[in-house]
């Protein structure tokens, strides 16, 4: 039972490490897109 919990915890950590750069890149891309739209409007 404890082994399954540890396995799930390690899997969750790996997923969070994999997803963090993806979320950062998406937010950076969205910020750049917003900046371009602002420059295009003005």
N, C-alpha and C. Protein backbone atom coordinates (compact mmCIF):
# COMPACT_ATOMS: atom_id res chain seq x y z
N UNK A 1 0.83 -1.21 0.00
CA UNK A 1 0.00 0.00 0.00
C UNK A 1 0.87 1.26 0.00
N UNK A 2 1.89 1.25 0.85
CA UNK A 2 2.81 2.39 0.94
C UNK A 2 3.62 2.52 -0.36
N UNK A 3 3.97 1.37 -0.94
CA UNK A 3 4.74 1.34 -2.19
C UNK A 3 3.95 1.99 -3.33
N UNK A 4 2.66 1.72 -3.39
CA UNK A 4 1.78 2.31 -4.41
C UNK A 4 1.69 3.83 -4.23
N UNK A 5 1.59 4.27 -2.98
CA UNK A 5 1.54 5.70 -2.67
C UNK A 5 2.81 6.41 -3.09
N UNK A 6 3.96 5.80 -2.80
CA UNK A 6 5.26 6.36 -3.18
C UNK A 6 5.40 6.41 -4.70
N UNK A 7 4.94 5.37 -5.38
CA UNK A 7 4.99 5.29 -6.83
C UNK A 7 4.14 6.40 -7.46
N UNK A 8 2.95 6.62 -6.92
CA UNK A 8 2.07 7.69 -7.40
C UNK A 8 2.69 9.06 -7.16
N UNK A 9 3.34 9.23 -6.01
CA UNK A 9 3.98 10.49 -5.66
C UNK A 9 5.13 10.81 -6.62
N UNK A 10 5.94 9.80 -6.94
CA UNK A 10 7.06 9.96 -7.88
C UNK A 10 6.54 10.28 -9.28
N UNK A 11 5.46 9.62 -9.68
CA UNK A 11 4.84 9.86 -10.98
C UNK A 11 4.31 11.30 -11.06
N UNK A 12 3.68 11.76 -9.96
CA UNK A 12 3.17 13.13 -9.88
C UNK A 12 4.31 14.15 -9.98
N UNK A 13 5.42 13.89 -9.30
CA UNK A 13 6.59 14.77 -9.36
C UNK A 13 7.16 14.85 -10.78
N UNK A 14 7.26 13.69 -11.43
CA UNK A 14 7.77 13.64 -12.81
C UNK A 14 6.86 14.41 -13.75
N UNK A 15 5.56 14.25 -13.59
CA UNK A 15 4.59 14.95 -14.43
C UNK A 15 4.66 16.46 -14.22
N UNK A 16 4.80 16.89 -12.97
CA UNK A 16 4.88 18.32 -12.67
C UNK A 16 6.16 18.93 -13.25
N UNK A 17 7.26 18.16 -13.20
CA UNK A 17 8.52 18.62 -13.77
C UNK A 17 8.45 18.72 -15.29
N UNK A 18 7.71 17.79 -15.91
CA UNK A 18 7.54 17.80 -17.36
C UNK A 18 6.60 18.91 -17.81
N UNK A 19 5.56 19.15 -17.02
CA UNK A 19 4.55 20.13 -17.40
C UNK A 19 4.94 21.57 -17.10
N UNK A 20 5.82 21.78 -16.11
CA UNK A 20 6.21 23.14 -15.74
C UNK A 20 6.83 23.93 -16.91
N UNK A 21 7.81 23.38 -17.66
CA UNK A 21 8.36 24.12 -18.81
C UNK A 21 7.31 24.41 -19.87
N UNK A 22 6.37 23.47 -20.04
CA UNK A 22 5.30 23.63 -21.03
C UNK A 22 4.39 24.80 -20.65
N UNK A 23 4.02 24.86 -19.36
CA UNK A 23 3.17 25.95 -18.87
C UNK A 23 3.91 27.29 -18.99
N UNK A 24 5.19 27.30 -18.66
CA UNK A 24 6.01 28.52 -18.76
C UNK A 24 6.12 28.99 -20.20
N UNK A 25 6.31 28.07 -21.14
CA UNK A 25 6.43 28.43 -22.55
C UNK A 25 5.10 28.96 -23.10
N UNK A 26 3.99 28.34 -22.66
CA UNK A 26 2.67 28.80 -23.10
C UNK A 26 2.38 30.20 -22.57
N UNK A 27 2.71 30.46 -21.30
CA UNK A 27 2.47 31.78 -20.71
C UNK A 27 3.35 32.84 -21.36
N UNK A 28 4.60 32.47 -21.67
CA UNK A 28 5.51 33.40 -22.35
C UNK A 28 5.01 33.71 -23.75
N UNK A 29 4.53 32.68 -24.45
CA UNK A 29 3.99 32.85 -25.80
C UNK A 29 2.74 33.73 -25.78
N UNK A 30 1.88 33.51 -24.78
CA UNK A 30 0.66 34.31 -24.65
C UNK A 30 1.01 35.78 -24.36
N UNK A 31 2.03 36.01 -23.52
CA UNK A 31 2.46 37.37 -23.18
C UNK A 31 3.02 38.07 -24.42
N UNK A 32 3.83 37.36 -25.20
CA UNK A 32 4.39 37.92 -26.44
C UNK A 32 3.30 38.23 -27.45
N UNK A 33 2.31 37.35 -27.54
CA UNK A 33 1.18 37.55 -28.46
C UNK A 33 0.38 38.78 -28.04
N UNK A 34 0.18 38.96 -26.74
CA UNK A 34 -0.52 40.13 -26.22
C UNK A 34 0.23 41.42 -26.51
N UNK A 35 1.54 41.37 -26.39
CA UNK A 35 2.40 42.52 -26.66
C UNK A 35 2.33 42.91 -28.14
N UNK A 36 2.38 41.91 -29.01
CA UNK A 36 2.28 42.13 -30.46
C UNK A 36 0.92 42.74 -30.82
N UNK A 37 -0.15 42.24 -30.19
CA UNK A 37 -1.50 42.77 -30.43
C UNK A 37 -1.61 44.22 -29.97
N UNK A 38 -1.00 44.53 -28.82
CA UNK A 38 -1.00 45.91 -28.32
C UNK A 38 -0.26 46.85 -29.27
N UNK A 39 0.90 46.40 -29.76
CA UNK A 39 1.69 47.20 -30.71
C UNK A 39 0.94 47.38 -32.03
N UNK A 40 0.21 46.34 -32.44
CA UNK A 40 -0.55 46.38 -33.69
C UNK A 40 -1.74 47.34 -33.59
N UNK A 41 -2.38 47.37 -32.40
CA UNK A 41 -3.51 48.27 -32.18
C UNK A 41 -3.05 49.72 -32.15
N UNK A 42 -1.94 50.00 -31.44
CA UNK A 42 -1.40 51.37 -31.34
C UNK A 42 -0.32 51.61 -32.36
